Protein backbone atom coordinates (compact mmCIF):
# COMPACT_ATOMS: atom_id res chain seq x y z
CA MET A 1 -0.38 0.39 0.26
CA PRO A 2 1.23 3.54 -0.69
CA ARG A 3 2.26 5.73 2.30
CA THR A 4 0.31 9.26 2.46
CA LEU A 5 2.32 11.52 4.14
CA ASN A 6 1.06 15.44 5.65
CA ILE A 7 3.83 17.73 4.80
CA ALA A 8 3.20 20.88 6.64
CA ILE A 9 5.38 23.67 5.12
CA GLU A 10 6.15 27.28 6.73
CA GLY A 11 6.95 30.41 4.99
CA CYS A 12 9.82 32.39 6.88
CA CYS A 13 9.61 31.52 10.89
CA HIS A 14 11.79 34.27 12.00
CA GLY A 15 12.14 32.80 15.76
CA MET A 16 8.10 31.78 16.15
CA LEU A 17 8.06 28.75 16.71
CA ASP A 18 5.85 28.27 19.76
CA ASN A 19 2.93 30.14 17.28
CA ILE A 20 3.74 27.76 14.27
CA TYR A 21 3.94 24.70 16.51
CA SER A 22 0.79 25.93 18.26
CA GLN A 23 -1.18 25.90 14.97
CA LEU A 24 0.02 22.68 13.82
CA LEU A 25 -1.57 20.89 16.51
CA THR A 26 -4.50 22.81 16.25
CA ARG A 27 -4.36 21.75 12.62
CA GLN A 28 -4.33 17.53 13.85
CA LYS A 29 -6.83 18.52 17.00
CA GLN A 30 -9.28 19.58 13.89
CA THR A 31 -8.52 17.00 11.28
CA LYS A 32 -7.65 13.94 12.67
CA LYS A 33 -4.56 13.50 10.71
CA ASN A 34 -0.91 13.83 12.35
CA ILE A 35 1.69 16.21 10.72
CA ASP A 36 4.79 13.93 9.54
CA LEU A 37 7.39 16.83 8.88
CA LEU A 38 7.57 20.62 9.16
CA ILE A 39 9.56 22.31 6.27
CA ILE A 40 10.39 25.92 7.25
CA CYS A 41 11.68 27.78 4.20
CA GLY A 42 14.41 30.26 6.41
CA ASP A 43 14.92 32.82 8.46
CA PHE A 44 14.86 30.28 11.40
CA GLN A 45 16.65 32.24 13.36
CA ALA A 46 18.13 29.82 15.76
CA ILE A 47 19.73 32.63 18.28
CA ARG A 48 20.75 30.73 21.66
CA ASN A 49 22.91 33.65 23.57
CA VAL A 50 23.84 37.29 23.09
CA THR A 51 27.01 36.30 20.90
CA ASP A 52 24.23 34.64 17.92
CA LEU A 53 22.15 37.76 18.54
CA GLY A 54 25.04 40.06 17.79
CA CYS A 55 26.16 38.02 14.56
CA MET A 56 21.99 37.75 13.65
CA SER A 57 22.09 39.90 10.08
CA CYS A 58 19.31 41.95 10.11
CA PRO A 59 19.48 45.49 12.16
CA ASP A 60 20.54 46.14 15.65
CA LYS A 61 16.73 47.73 16.23
CA TYR A 62 15.49 44.70 15.99
CA LYS A 63 17.26 42.10 17.46
CA GLN A 64 15.57 39.81 19.93
CA ILE A 65 16.00 36.61 21.59
CA GLY A 66 13.00 35.17 20.56
CA GLY A 67 12.23 31.43 22.03
CA PHE A 68 14.70 29.57 20.13
CA TYR A 69 16.49 28.73 23.22
CA ARG A 70 14.27 26.97 25.20
CA TYR A 71 14.01 24.22 22.30
CA TYR A 72 17.59 24.50 22.44
CA THR A 73 17.69 23.28 26.22
CA GLY A 74 15.35 20.93 25.99
CA GLU A 75 12.97 23.21 27.91
CA ARG A 76 10.41 22.85 24.84
CA VAL A 77 10.49 20.34 22.56
CA ALA A 78 8.88 20.08 18.61
CA PRO A 79 6.14 18.20 18.17
CA VAL A 80 6.93 17.59 14.88
CA PRO A 81 9.78 16.14 12.80
CA THR A 82 10.95 19.69 11.94
CA ILE A 83 13.62 20.66 8.86
CA PHE A 84 14.69 24.05 7.55
CA VAL A 85 16.78 25.65 5.19
CA GLY A 86 18.64 28.87 5.96
CA GLY A 87 17.49 32.42 5.18
CA ASN A 88 19.42 35.80 5.20
CA HIS A 89 18.34 36.66 8.45
CA GLU A 90 20.00 33.79 10.52
CA ALA A 91 22.90 33.68 13.62
CA GLY A 92 25.41 33.08 10.95
CA ASN A 93 27.80 31.87 13.14
CA HIS A 94 25.63 29.10 14.53
CA SER A 95 24.96 27.97 10.77
CA ARG A 96 28.56 27.33 10.52
CA GLU A 97 29.13 25.44 13.10
CA LEU A 98 26.80 22.33 11.13
CA TYR A 99 27.67 23.88 7.74
CA TYR A 100 26.98 20.35 6.78
CA GLY A 101 23.97 19.88 8.26
CA GLY A 102 23.19 19.19 12.01
CA TRP A 103 20.39 19.11 14.85
CA VAL A 104 20.21 22.44 15.91
CA ALA A 105 17.45 21.25 19.08
CA PRO A 106 15.83 17.55 19.91
CA ASN A 107 14.06 17.13 16.48
CA ILE A 108 14.92 20.00 14.37
CA TYR A 109 17.59 19.67 11.76
CA PHE A 110 19.59 22.35 9.51
CA MET A 111 20.15 21.21 6.13
CA GLY A 112 23.12 23.06 5.95
CA ASN A 113 24.09 25.07 3.18
CA SER A 114 23.55 22.64 0.89
CA GLY A 115 22.12 19.41 1.09
CA VAL A 116 19.64 16.25 0.35
CA LEU A 117 17.92 14.44 3.29
CA LYS A 118 15.68 11.07 3.04
CA PHE A 119 11.75 11.14 4.80
CA GLY A 120 9.44 8.53 4.67
CA GLY A 121 10.37 7.70 0.71
CA LEU A 122 10.55 11.08 0.36
CA ARG A 123 13.99 12.74 -1.46
CA ILE A 124 14.37 16.24 0.09
CA GLY A 125 17.15 18.73 -1.25
CA GLY A 126 18.08 22.13 0.24
CA ILE A 127 19.78 25.48 0.00
CA SER A 128 20.24 27.86 2.12
CA GLY A 129 20.91 32.00 1.55
CA ILE A 130 20.09 34.10 -1.07
CA PHE A 131 21.43 35.28 -4.29
CA LYS A 132 24.21 38.41 -4.07
CA ASP A 133 26.13 38.34 -7.52
CA PHE A 134 28.90 40.28 -5.61
CA ASP A 135 29.45 37.37 -3.42
CA TYR A 136 27.99 34.53 -5.34
CA ALA A 137 31.41 33.53 -7.07
CA LYS A 138 33.33 33.86 -3.66
CA GLY A 139 35.00 31.20 -1.03
CA TYR A 140 33.13 31.33 2.65
CA TYR A 141 36.08 34.13 3.75
CA GLU A 142 34.30 34.95 6.77
CA ARG A 143 35.95 34.82 9.78
CA PRO A 144 35.25 35.55 13.52
CA PRO A 145 33.77 38.39 14.94
CA PHE A 146 31.87 38.40 12.05
CA ARG A 147 31.73 42.16 11.73
CA GLY A 148 30.24 44.53 9.28
CA HIS A 149 29.24 42.84 5.65
CA SER A 150 30.54 39.62 6.89
CA ARG A 151 27.11 39.31 8.68
CA SER A 152 25.39 39.44 5.41
CA SER A 153 27.67 37.59 3.32
CA MET A 154 27.84 34.67 5.39
CA HIS A 155 23.99 34.15 4.17
CA HIS A 156 24.51 34.82 0.52
CA ALA A 157 24.27 31.97 -1.63
CA ARG A 158 27.81 30.94 -3.52
CA SER A 159 28.04 29.18 -6.23
CA TYR A 160 29.92 26.08 -4.66
CA GLU A 161 27.10 24.95 -3.23
CA ALA A 162 24.81 25.06 -6.47
CA PHE A 163 28.33 23.01 -8.16
CA LYS A 164 27.51 20.85 -5.39
CA MET A 165 23.79 20.97 -6.16
CA LEU A 166 24.21 20.20 -9.64
CA GLN A 167 25.59 17.03 -9.46
CA ILE A 168 22.55 15.44 -8.60
CA ARG A 169 21.87 12.63 -10.87
CA GLN A 170 18.44 11.17 -9.01
CA PRO A 171 15.13 12.45 -9.30
CA LEU A 172 14.51 14.59 -6.19
CA ASP A 173 10.97 15.07 -4.57
CA ILE A 174 10.94 17.89 -2.71
CA VAL A 175 13.52 21.12 -2.83
CA VAL A 176 13.48 24.25 -0.46
CA SER A 177 14.80 27.41 -0.70
CA HIS A 178 14.57 30.74 0.92
CA ASP A 179 15.08 32.66 -2.30
CA TRP A 180 12.69 32.23 -5.26
CA PRO A 181 13.94 30.29 -8.44
CA GLN A 182 14.14 33.52 -11.14
CA HIS A 183 11.72 33.64 -13.18
CA ILE A 184 8.97 31.89 -11.16
CA GLU A 185 6.26 34.63 -11.03
CA ARG A 186 6.00 33.97 -15.21
CA TYR A 187 4.57 30.59 -14.38
CA GLY A 188 1.74 32.05 -11.98
CA ASP A 189 -0.79 34.53 -11.52
CA THR A 190 1.75 37.35 -12.13
CA ASP A 191 -0.75 39.83 -12.04
CA GLY A 192 -2.40 38.62 -8.78
CA LEU A 193 1.38 38.54 -7.44
CA LEU A 194 2.01 42.12 -8.36
CA LYS A 195 -1.46 43.28 -7.00
CA LYS A 196 -0.71 41.78 -3.70
CA LYS A 197 3.26 43.39 -4.09
CA PRO A 198 3.24 46.35 -6.56
CA PHE A 199 6.48 47.28 -5.40
CA PHE A 200 7.82 43.65 -7.42
CA GLU A 201 6.75 45.42 -10.55
CA LYS A 202 10.52 46.82 -11.86
CA GLU A 203 12.15 43.76 -10.85
CA VAL A 204 9.34 41.53 -12.58
CA LYS A 205 9.81 43.74 -15.75
CA ARG A 206 13.70 43.78 -15.64
CA GLY A 207 12.90 39.82 -15.22
CA ASP A 208 15.46 39.92 -11.90
CA LEU A 209 12.80 39.10 -9.22
CA GLY A 210 14.17 36.03 -6.95
CA SER A 211 17.38 33.99 -7.62
CA PRO A 212 18.89 33.26 -11.19
CA LEU A 213 20.98 30.31 -9.00
CA ASN A 214 17.97 28.77 -7.99
CA ALA A 215 16.80 29.03 -11.13
CA LEU A 216 19.82 27.35 -12.35
CA LEU A 217 18.82 24.77 -10.35
CA LEU A 218 15.16 24.38 -10.68
CA GLU A 219 15.78 24.04 -14.68
CA ARG A 220 18.29 20.40 -13.59
CA LEU A 221 16.63 19.18 -11.23
CA ARG A 222 12.83 19.38 -11.95
CA PRO A 223 11.60 17.96 -8.69
CA ALA A 224 7.75 17.85 -7.77
CA TRP A 225 7.74 20.47 -5.25
CA TRP A 226 9.99 23.32 -4.56
CA PHE A 227 9.02 25.37 -1.70
CA SER A 228 10.34 28.95 -1.13
CA ALA A 229 9.75 32.04 1.48
CA HIS A 230 11.74 35.20 1.54
CA LEU A 231 9.15 37.45 -0.29
CA HIS A 232 6.38 37.36 2.22
CA VAL A 233 3.21 36.68 -0.16
CA ARG A 234 1.81 33.48 -1.08
CA PHE A 235 2.31 32.18 -4.51
CA THR A 236 1.90 29.16 -6.75
CA ALA A 237 3.39 28.16 -9.80
CA SER A 238 3.48 25.26 -12.30
CA PHE A 239 6.56 24.89 -13.90
CA GLY A 240 6.14 22.00 -16.95
CA ALA A 241 7.92 19.18 -17.80
CA HIS A 242 8.65 20.56 -21.23
CA GLU A 243 9.35 24.51 -20.57
CA SER A 244 12.77 25.95 -19.69
CA ILE A 245 13.40 28.34 -17.20
CA PHE A 246 17.11 29.31 -17.27
CA THR A 247 19.34 28.18 -20.06
CA GLN A 248 21.88 30.08 -20.08
CA GLY A 249 23.99 27.30 -17.81
CA TRP A 250 27.00 28.27 -15.43
CA LYS A 251 28.13 31.31 -17.29
CA GLY A 252 24.69 32.45 -17.46
CA ILE A 253 25.17 33.90 -13.48
CA PRO A 254 27.69 37.19 -12.81
CA PRO A 255 30.50 37.16 -12.32
CA TYR A 256 30.82 33.93 -14.64
CA GLU A 257 29.54 35.35 -17.59
CA GLN A 258 32.39 37.77 -17.25
CA ASP A 259 36.36 36.57 -17.52
CA LEU A 260 37.60 35.26 -14.54
CA SER A 261 40.92 36.25 -14.83
CA ASN A 262 39.93 40.35 -14.26
CA VAL A 263 40.22 39.42 -10.59
CA SER A 264 42.41 40.87 -8.29
CA ALA A 265 45.48 39.10 -7.06
CA SER A 266 44.04 38.76 -3.08
CA GLY A 267 40.67 37.35 -4.51
CA GLY A 268 37.64 39.60 -5.51
CA ILE A 269 36.28 41.99 -7.98
CA ASP A 270 39.13 43.78 -8.73
CA ALA A 271 38.30 47.62 -7.93
CA ASN A 272 40.71 49.09 -11.03
CA ARG A 273 38.43 47.56 -13.62
CA PRO A 274 36.63 49.68 -15.37
CA ASP A 275 33.53 47.74 -15.13
CA ALA A 276 33.59 47.05 -11.26
CA MET A 277 30.99 48.54 -9.49
CA SER A 278 32.06 50.34 -6.10
CA ARG A 279 31.94 47.79 -2.73
CA THR A 280 30.43 50.67 -1.32
CA ALA A 281 27.51 51.14 -3.96
CA GLN A 282 27.09 47.26 -3.99
CA ILE A 283 26.93 46.28 -0.06
CA GLY A 284 24.59 49.68 0.96
CA ASN A 285 23.95 50.86 4.19
CA GLU A 286 23.04 48.24 6.67
CA ASP A 287 19.64 49.72 7.65
CA GLU A 288 18.99 51.05 4.07
CA ILE A 289 15.95 49.22 3.03
CA VAL A 290 16.33 46.90 -0.18
CA MET A 291 13.63 44.48 -0.89
CA SER A 292 15.91 41.74 -1.44
CA SER A 293 17.61 41.73 1.78
CA LEU A 294 14.68 42.97 4.14
CA SER A 295 14.48 42.70 7.64
CA ASP A 296 10.26 41.26 8.24
CA GLU A 297 9.52 44.53 10.26
CA GLU A 298 11.64 46.57 7.02
CA ALA A 299 9.89 44.88 4.58
CA ASP A 300 6.64 45.83 6.02
CA LEU A 301 7.80 49.34 6.33
CA ALA A 302 8.78 49.33 3.16
CA GLU A 303 5.58 48.15 1.34
CA PRO A 304 3.59 51.34 -0.50
CA ALA A 305 0.01 51.33 -0.88
CA ASP A 306 -2.03 48.37 -2.44
CA ASN A 307 -2.71 50.63 -5.63
CA ALA A 308 0.66 51.65 -7.97
CA THR A 309 -1.59 54.54 -10.04
CA SER A 310 0.87 57.17 -8.98
CA ARG A 311 3.28 55.21 -11.88
CA ALA A 312 1.11 54.57 -14.21
CA HIS A 313 2.14 57.77 -16.14
CA THR A 314 5.29 57.45 -16.21
CA GLU A 315 6.35 53.71 -16.71
CA PRO A 316 5.10 51.48 -20.13
CA GLU A 317 2.33 49.44 -19.06
CA LEU A 318 3.78 45.82 -17.87
CA GLU A 319 3.91 42.94 -20.21
CA ILE A 320 4.77 39.61 -19.81
CA LYS A 321 5.29 36.80 -21.97
CA ARG A 322 3.29 34.25 -20.44
CA PRO A 323 3.90 30.18 -21.00
CA ARG A 324 0.98 28.11 -22.04
CA MET A 325 0.33 27.32 -18.57
CA GLU A 326 -1.90 29.68 -16.65
CA LEU A 327 -2.71 29.71 -13.19
CA ASN A 328 -5.48 32.92 -12.22
CA LEU A 329 -5.59 31.65 -8.43
CA PRO A 330 -8.01 32.89 -5.88
CA PRO A 331 -6.37 33.65 -2.32
CA PRO A 332 -7.04 30.94 0.28
CA LYS A 333 -9.79 31.18 3.28
CA HIS A 334 -7.53 29.99 5.87
CA ASP A 335 -3.79 30.37 6.80
CA ILE A 336 -3.06 25.91 6.31
CA ALA A 337 -4.92 24.86 2.83
CA PRO A 338 -4.40 20.93 2.79
CA ALA A 339 -3.47 19.59 -0.35
CA LEU A 340 -2.46 16.34 -2.49
CA ILE A 341 -0.63 14.72 -4.64
CA ASP A 342 -0.03 11.29 -5.45
CA LEU A 343 3.58 10.50 -6.73
CA THR A 344 2.68 6.79 -7.84
CA GLU A 345 0.38 8.09 -10.49
CA LYS A 346 1.34 8.77 -13.74
CA GLU A 347 -1.04 11.59 -13.79
CA PRO A 348 -0.07 13.82 -11.29
CA THR A 349 -2.98 14.87 -9.13
CA ARG A 350 -4.15 17.59 -6.11
CA GLU A 351 -7.04 16.52 -4.58
CA THR A 352 -8.24 20.43 -2.39
CA SER A 353 -10.84 21.67 -0.91
CA GLU A 354 -13.32 24.52 -1.22
CA TYR A 355 -9.88 26.92 -0.87
CA THR A 356 -7.34 25.01 -2.08
CA GLU A 357 -6.73 25.23 -6.05
CA ALA A 358 -6.01 21.81 -7.83
CA VAL A 359 -2.25 22.77 -10.16
CA THR A 360 -2.81 21.48 -13.73
CA SER A 361 -0.38 20.72 -16.46
CA ASP A 362 0.01 19.75 -20.13
CA SER A 363 1.60 17.14 -19.78
CA LYS A 364 1.96 13.50 -18.16
CA GLU A 365 3.41 12.15 -15.23
CA GLU A 366 5.76 9.30 -15.74
CA GLU A 367 6.01 7.10 -13.11
CA HIS A 368 8.14 8.13 -10.37
CA ASN A 369 10.90 6.15 -9.54
CA VAL A 370 13.20 5.54 -6.24
CA GLN A 371 16.11 4.87 -6.17
CA THR A 372 17.49 2.24 -3.28
CA ASP A 373 19.34 3.08 -0.51
CA SER A 374 22.60 1.13 -1.63
CA ALA A 375 24.39 1.98 -4.59
CA THR A 376 25.60 -0.90 -6.21
CA ASP A 377 29.25 -2.30 -7.57
CA ILE A 378 29.84 -0.35 -10.67
CA GLU A 379 31.99 -2.31 -13.28
CA PRO A 380 35.41 -0.19 -14.38
CA THR A 381 34.38 1.11 -17.88
CA SER A 382 36.24 2.32 -20.74
CA LYS A 383 33.09 4.18 -22.71
CA PRO A 384 33.20 7.49 -22.70
CA ALA A 385 32.11 9.42 -19.58
CA SER A 386 28.19 9.87 -19.48
CA PHE A 387 26.15 12.63 -17.77
CA SER A 388 23.03 11.56 -16.48
CA THR A 389 20.05 13.93 -15.50
CA PRO A 390 17.46 13.66 -12.20
CA ARG A 391 14.74 15.11 -14.14
CA VAL A 392 11.59 12.83 -14.22
CA PRO A 393 10.16 12.82 -18.09
CA GLY A 394 6.69 14.58 -17.95
CA ARG A 395 6.74 15.83 -14.82
CA PRO A 396 6.25 19.14 -13.82
CA THR A 397 7.30 21.33 -10.99
CA ASN A 398 4.83 22.56 -8.94
CA PHE A 399 5.94 25.74 -6.37
CA LEU A 400 4.46 27.67 -3.48
CA ALA A 401 6.12 30.22 -2.04
CA LEU A 402 4.89 31.47 1.51
CA ASP A 403 4.59 34.21 3.78
CA LYS A 404 5.75 34.99 7.18
CA CYS A 405 4.29 34.19 10.66
CA LEU A 406 2.25 36.67 11.27
CA PRO A 407 -1.43 37.09 12.07
CA LYS A 408 -3.66 37.18 9.10
CA ARG A 409 -0.81 36.19 6.78
CA GLN A 410 -0.26 33.07 4.50
CA PHE A 411 2.30 31.48 6.21
CA LEU A 412 1.53 27.78 6.61
CA GLU A 413 0.43 25.48 4.49
CA VAL A 414 -0.35 21.01 4.55
CA ILE A 415 -0.22 18.60 1.56
CA GLU A 416 -0.64 15.25 1.64
CA ILE A 417 2.13 13.54 -0.35
CA LYS A 418 1.62 9.60 -1.27
CA VAL A 419 4.39 7.77 -2.12
CA PRO A 420 4.94 4.34 -4.07
CA ASP A 421 5.29 0.87 -2.53
CA SER A 422 8.80 0.93 -3.15
CA ALA A 423 9.88 3.74 -1.53
CA ALA A 424 7.26 3.62 2.36
CA ASP A 425 8.77 0.75 4.27
CA GLY A 426 11.48 2.19 6.34
CA GLU A 427 10.59 4.61 9.35
CA LEU A 428 9.20 7.90 9.68
CA LYS A 429 12.71 9.28 10.71
CA LEU A 430 15.78 11.62 8.91
CA GLU A 431 17.68 9.37 5.96
CA TYR A 432 21.38 10.24 5.06
CA ASP A 433 20.89 10.09 1.40
CA PRO A 434 23.48 7.79 -0.29
CA GLU A 435 24.02 10.10 -3.36
CA TRP A 436 24.78 13.03 -1.45
CA LEU A 437 27.45 11.35 0.16
CA ALA A 438 29.22 10.62 -2.73
CA ILE A 439 28.78 14.76 -3.88
CA LEU A 440 30.52 15.40 -0.80
CA ARG A 441 33.29 13.14 -1.21
CA LEU A 442 33.50 14.19 -5.02
CA CYS A 443 33.54 18.18 -4.14
CA ASN A 444 35.20 18.77 -0.44
CA PRO A 445 38.31 19.20 -1.25
CA TYR A 446 37.27 22.11 -3.55
CA LEU A 447 35.69 24.00 -0.48
CA PRO A 448 36.74 27.80 -1.11
CA LEU A 449 37.63 29.54 1.52
CA ASP A 450 38.87 33.09 0.50
CA GLU A 451 37.19 35.43 -1.62
CA SER A 452 38.94 34.22 -4.68
CA PRO A 453 36.01 33.42 -7.20
CA PHE A 454 35.55 29.65 -7.35
CA VAL A 455 36.28 27.79 -10.38
CA PRO A 456 35.24 24.43 -11.19
CA PRO A 457 38.21 21.47 -10.81
CA ALA A 458 39.44 20.34 -14.38
CA GLN A 459 38.27 17.38 -13.06
CA ALA A 460 34.67 18.17 -13.60
CA GLN A 461 33.69 18.53 -17.49
CA VAL A 462 31.62 20.85 -18.89
CA CYS A 463 28.84 18.81 -20.62
CA GLU A 464 27.25 20.99 -23.52
CA ALA A 465 23.97 18.53 -23.66
CA ASN A 466 23.28 19.72 -20.10
CA HIS A 467 23.61 23.72 -20.89
CA GLN A 468 27.45 23.76 -20.22
CA LEU A 469 27.20 22.88 -16.55
CA PRO A 470 30.04 21.84 -15.16
CA LEU A 471 29.74 18.35 -13.59
CA PHE A 472 31.52 15.48 -13.12
CA SER A 473 30.83 12.24 -15.35
CA ASP A 474 28.47 9.35 -14.03
CA GLU A 475 31.52 7.35 -13.63
CA GLN A 476 33.40 9.38 -11.13
CA LEU A 477 30.45 9.79 -8.95
CA ASP A 478 29.41 5.78 -9.13
CA ARG A 479 33.18 5.24 -7.63
CA GLU A 480 32.18 7.54 -4.87
CA LEU A 481 28.89 6.03 -4.60
CA GLU A 482 30.68 2.79 -4.26
CA TRP A 483 32.74 4.14 -1.58
CA VAL A 484 29.88 5.11 0.39
CA SER A 485 27.86 1.74 -0.01
CA LYS A 486 30.60 -0.23 1.13
CA ASN A 487 31.72 1.50 3.99
CA VAL A 488 28.08 3.79 5.28
CA PHE A 489 25.23 1.80 3.71
CA ARG A 490 26.68 -1.37 4.35
CA ASN A 491 23.20 -2.76 5.87
CA GLY A 492 20.80 -0.70 4.09
CA ARG A 493 19.28 2.09 5.31
CA VAL A 494 21.43 5.06 7.50
CA TYR A 495 19.33 7.46 9.91
CA VAL A 496 20.76 10.32 11.29
CA PRO A 497 21.51 9.59 14.34
CA PRO A 498 19.74 11.65 17.72
CA ASN A 499 23.34 13.08 18.55
CA PHE A 500 22.42 16.30 19.12
CA VAL A 501 24.33 17.78 21.84
CA PRO A 502 24.30 21.42 23.45
CA VAL A 503 27.77 23.23 22.85
CA ALA A 504 26.72 26.91 24.02
CA PRO A 505 25.18 29.01 27.24
CA VAL A 506 21.81 29.82 27.32
CA PRO A 507 20.27 32.83 28.92
CA PRO A 508 18.54 31.76 32.56
CA PRO A 509 15.36 30.56 32.42
CA GLY A 510 12.32 32.65 31.79
CA THR A 511 14.51 35.38 30.21
CA PRO A 512 11.48 36.76 27.96
CA ASP A 513 11.37 36.54 24.19
CA SER A 514 12.37 40.38 23.60
CA VAL A 515 15.82 40.80 25.58
CA SER A 516 17.89 42.01 23.33
CA PHE A 517 20.80 42.23 25.97
CA GLY A 518 21.66 46.35 25.25
CA LEU A 519 22.37 45.30 21.47
CA ALA A 520 18.74 46.94 20.31
CA ARG A 521 19.18 50.58 19.69
CA ASN A 522 15.90 52.12 20.78
CA ASP A 523 14.54 54.08 18.07
CA GLY A 524 11.20 55.23 20.35
CA ASN A 525 7.99 53.36 19.23
CA ARG A 526 7.47 53.47 15.51
CA GLY A 527 3.98 52.27 13.82
CA ARG A 528 1.15 49.94 13.86
CA GLY A 529 0.02 49.92 17.19
CA ARG A 530 2.38 47.10 18.87
CA GLY A 531 3.89 48.10 22.22
CA CYS A 532 7.38 48.39 23.16
CA GLY A 533 9.48 45.48 23.79
CA GLN A 534 6.63 43.02 21.89
CA ARG A 535 8.15 39.89 19.91
CA GLY A 536 8.04 41.35 16.30
CA GLY A 537 6.96 45.40 17.45
CA TYR A 538 9.15 48.26 16.88
CA GLY A 539 10.82 49.87 19.23
CA HIS A 540 12.12 47.98 21.68
CA ASN A 541 12.95 49.77 24.53
CA GLN A 542 16.89 49.00 25.41
CA ARG A 543 16.75 50.39 28.84
CA ASN A 544 14.26 47.27 29.91
CA ASP A 545 17.30 44.82 28.80
CA ALA A 546 19.05 43.09 31.31
CA PRO A 547 23.03 42.62 30.61
CA TRP A 548 24.29 39.13 29.46
CA SER A 549 25.32 37.38 32.74
CA GLY A 550 29.28 35.54 32.62
CA PRO A 551 31.73 35.63 30.26
CA ARG A 552 30.65 35.99 26.16
CA PRO A 553 30.52 33.02 24.72
CA TYR A 554 32.76 31.91 21.34
CA PHE A 555 31.85 33.05 18.23
CA ILE A 556 32.46 29.39 17.01
CA ASN A 557 32.01 26.24 18.62
CA ALA A 558 33.34 22.74 18.47
CA ASN A 559 30.23 20.60 17.50
CA PRO A 560 30.68 16.55 17.29
CA GLN A 561 27.94 16.35 15.13
CA THR A 562 29.81 17.81 12.04
CA ASP A 563 33.25 15.87 13.67
CA ASP A 564 31.06 12.66 13.72
CA PHE A 565 29.43 13.13 9.94
CA CYS A 566 32.77 14.43 8.51
CA LYS A 567 34.71 10.95 10.48
CA MET A 568 31.54 8.69 8.89
CA ILE A 569 31.79 9.96 5.22
CA GLY A 570 36.15 9.86 5.29
CA ILE A 571 35.92 13.89 4.67
CA ASN A 572 37.75 16.69 6.43
CA ASP A 573 36.12 19.57 8.07
CA PRO A 574 38.53 22.43 6.55
CA LEU A 575 35.89 25.53 7.59
CA THR A 576 34.93 24.65 10.74
CA GLN A 577 38.52 24.11 11.61
CA LEU A 578 39.57 26.96 10.23
CA LEU A 579 36.91 29.39 11.99
CA ARG A 580 37.70 27.90 15.75
């Protein structure tokens, strides 16, 4: 019998775990259906102490400890298995401790800067951060104490992570990102989106709303579902199996479209080049309202009136070339909308309630073939290098973006996914993915640790048939799969061990969520009737803050999860070791 999983999707978390879990428990009680897994699409804010809070990428006036530390200590336990990717408002030092992924608290798992996991027969990929062209090609140059621009750049997605994700050959069921894939708005109700967010109009018209990195990954990976957040609006789209969203390949993303010989000797873009932008102009003021890197409160403040008539006389009418599939979707009536996708049928379907829309497609879905947990032995071969694709022929990708966790926002939905019999025999626990472990073994020696642009290794051939993507051959990947099969998956599937241990201090029990330990500036009451010191309110009063007691915690803590993981797959951990 196929297994049906109830998967909850949350947009931006912003530290509101108590509210999110309360919504899920209410949902379970109302429907009498258990939620099997919660996926959070970034801005999680796993803040444990004053050091984490100081490293969090957002203006100081919005910094508050939040309630995550109670889950970290075990005072509260997540009632639903939870996985998440990083956004652009995170404690970057904490994320660095778990670069390859790991438990941030019991039952809450961070997918790392990029990663693939299995759960209940589903194969789930994730990539953290947002796209910024001036940091995209660089390595991981940030060092403690993570001041200035480095607090933000730690959350800027890197080409190295895209390179790793591009090596995936086996089909993915779900991909999770914080940033939207670029151009995805063209495959849904674009007009409806602009009615909700009229200030996206220029970006939509220019074609630069969203991340080209994620568009590149969507073009290649073609999962059944893609979930995102970041733009604080609910939006759905369907990307057809025969559509193309990003055909420029690896060199279609700046700065790889340019000659990388123009970089300076010390790494990074040479400021003396005629076409180089000034670093100040690229980075901007920390408090400046820039829509692609807003805090959640700034996004509210930056949203203009609902109508855009004031621009009608100065800007030409927006014209968008749409694909054949168009969705004219009404907004849902509730925060949580159930849906169904059956991965066992040839025709993709979604059974919906009266307020949940059906996703349609003009192409038929072939049977979803799930790979086995153990890689098979590979015979030596002298044939030319081959490059497999993770696409499932005929299968479209359903895109869903959600809002942030606030009242009257569409921030949480539940979908039902039927998993084929062949993949439904395991426990509902997180599992390691053998192909991803093999990819890490292939790519880890090339992990970039400075500002010099990452250049794919010579061993990764530029495959013309796949839009000039730098890919290791199937044979190279199969050799690593063989090692992983023999050394990690000797007895079949391997579950992620529940090996969380706290490694950093936390505030005393009973510390209010609103405390900022003196880090928040006192800007006075601003905005919409929310009082001083309330979570998510404006104008937190610094004078009510208790100072952090005891020594200031370390920026980077040795985390045994990372050590155990690297030992398991036979790699070193140059990034965390360097930061320590």
